[in-house]
Amino acid sequence: MQMLTMPPGVRAKAHKHATHETAIYAVSGISHVWHGEQLEHHSIVEAGDYFYIPADVPHLPYNPSATDTVVRHHRPHRRE
């Protein structure tokens, strides 16, 4: 499991992981993520939440806060 931080205002590029699914546990802060084939779904992930992204699903996480850092545990899991 990896510890990831997202500084205030950070936005990732849309991407997907073809060979593994991802499980995220939010430790602190509030992050948002667009996900789905056309990034048509939007979810808010708060401290204490788990968020699952299936393999090969596009997603774009971002931190909308101007002041707070997001901390999360990220566990990629290779699909068999």
Protein backbone atom coordinates (compact mmCIF):
# COMPACT_ATOMS: atom_id res chain seq x y z
CA MET A 1 0.00 0.00 0.00
CA GLN A 2 1.34 3.44 -0.92
CA MET A 3 0.78 6.71 0.94
CA LEU A 4 -0.14 9.46 -1.52
CA THR A 5 -0.61 13.16 -0.92
CA MET A 6 -2.38 15.69 -3.10
CA PRO A 7 -1.42 19.29 -2.34
CA PRO A 8 -4.12 21.98 -2.50
CA GLY A 9 -5.40 22.60 -6.02
CA VAL A 10 -3.63 19.59 -7.59
CA ARG A 11 -5.32 17.81 -10.47
CA ALA A 12 -4.08 14.61 -12.13
CA LYS A 13 -4.41 13.88 -15.83
CA ALA A 14 -7.13 11.43 -16.83
CA HIS A 15 -5.62 7.96 -16.88
CA LYS A 16 -6.40 4.28 -16.36
CA HIS A 17 -4.57 1.21 -15.13
CA ALA A 18 -5.12 -1.57 -17.66
CA THR A 19 -3.61 -4.35 -15.59
CA HIS A 20 -4.79 -3.60 -12.05
CA GLU A 21 -7.70 -2.38 -10.01
CA THR A 22 -7.17 0.23 -7.30
CA ALA A 23 -8.46 0.57 -3.75
CA ILE A 24 -8.06 3.93 -2.00
CA TYR A 25 -8.54 4.74 1.68
CA ALA A 26 -8.77 8.47 2.43
CA VAL A 27 -6.80 9.42 5.55
CA SER A 28 -7.43 13.18 5.57
CA GLY A 29 -8.91 15.91 3.41
CA ILE A 30 -11.56 15.72 0.72
CA SER A 31 -10.73 14.76 -2.84
CA HIS A 32 -12.94 14.50 -5.89
CA VAL A 33 -12.68 12.11 -8.81
CA TRP A 34 -14.24 11.92 -12.25
CA HIS A 35 -14.46 8.31 -13.43
CA GLY A 36 -16.05 6.10 -16.09
CA GLU A 37 -15.46 5.50 -19.79
CA GLN A 38 -16.24 9.14 -20.62
CA LEU A 39 -15.42 10.47 -17.12
CA GLU A 40 -19.20 10.78 -16.75
CA HIS A 41 -19.34 9.92 -13.02
CA HIS A 42 -18.23 12.19 -10.19
CA SER A 43 -17.49 11.08 -6.62
CA ILE A 44 -16.36 12.85 -3.48
CA VAL A 45 -13.95 10.93 -1.26
CA GLU A 46 -13.71 12.12 2.36
CA ALA A 47 -11.46 11.07 5.23
CA GLY A 48 -12.50 7.58 6.35
CA ASP A 49 -13.93 6.61 2.93
CA TYR A 50 -12.83 3.72 0.76
CA PHE A 51 -12.99 4.21 -3.01
CA TYR A 52 -12.64 1.44 -5.58
CA ILE A 53 -11.61 1.85 -9.22
CA PRO A 54 -11.87 -1.27 -11.40
CA ALA A 55 -9.05 -2.12 -13.80
CA ASP A 56 -9.15 -0.32 -17.15
CA VAL A 57 -11.54 2.42 -15.95
CA PRO A 58 -10.48 6.01 -16.74
CA HIS A 59 -10.32 8.33 -13.74
CA LEU A 60 -9.18 11.84 -12.92
CA PRO A 61 -8.64 12.67 -9.24
CA TYR A 62 -8.25 16.21 -7.97
CA ASN A 63 -8.06 18.22 -4.77
CA PRO A 64 -10.49 21.18 -4.95
CA SER A 65 -9.23 22.79 -1.73
CA ALA A 66 -7.17 25.96 -1.83
CA THR A 67 -5.67 25.21 1.59
CA ASP A 68 -5.91 21.51 2.58
CA THR A 69 -3.68 18.62 1.54
CA VAL A 70 -5.34 15.26 0.86
CA VAL A 71 -3.64 12.14 2.25
CA ARG A 72 -4.69 8.67 1.15
CA HIS A 73 -3.49 5.09 1.05
CA HIS A 74 -3.51 3.67 -2.45
CA ARG A 75 -3.36 -0.06 -3.07
CA PRO A 76 -3.06 -1.27 -6.66
CA HIS A 77 -4.07 -4.90 -7.11
CA ARG A 78 -3.05 -6.80 -10.22
CA ARG A 79 -5.96 -8.66 -11.75
CA GLU A 80 -5.36 -12.27 -12.59
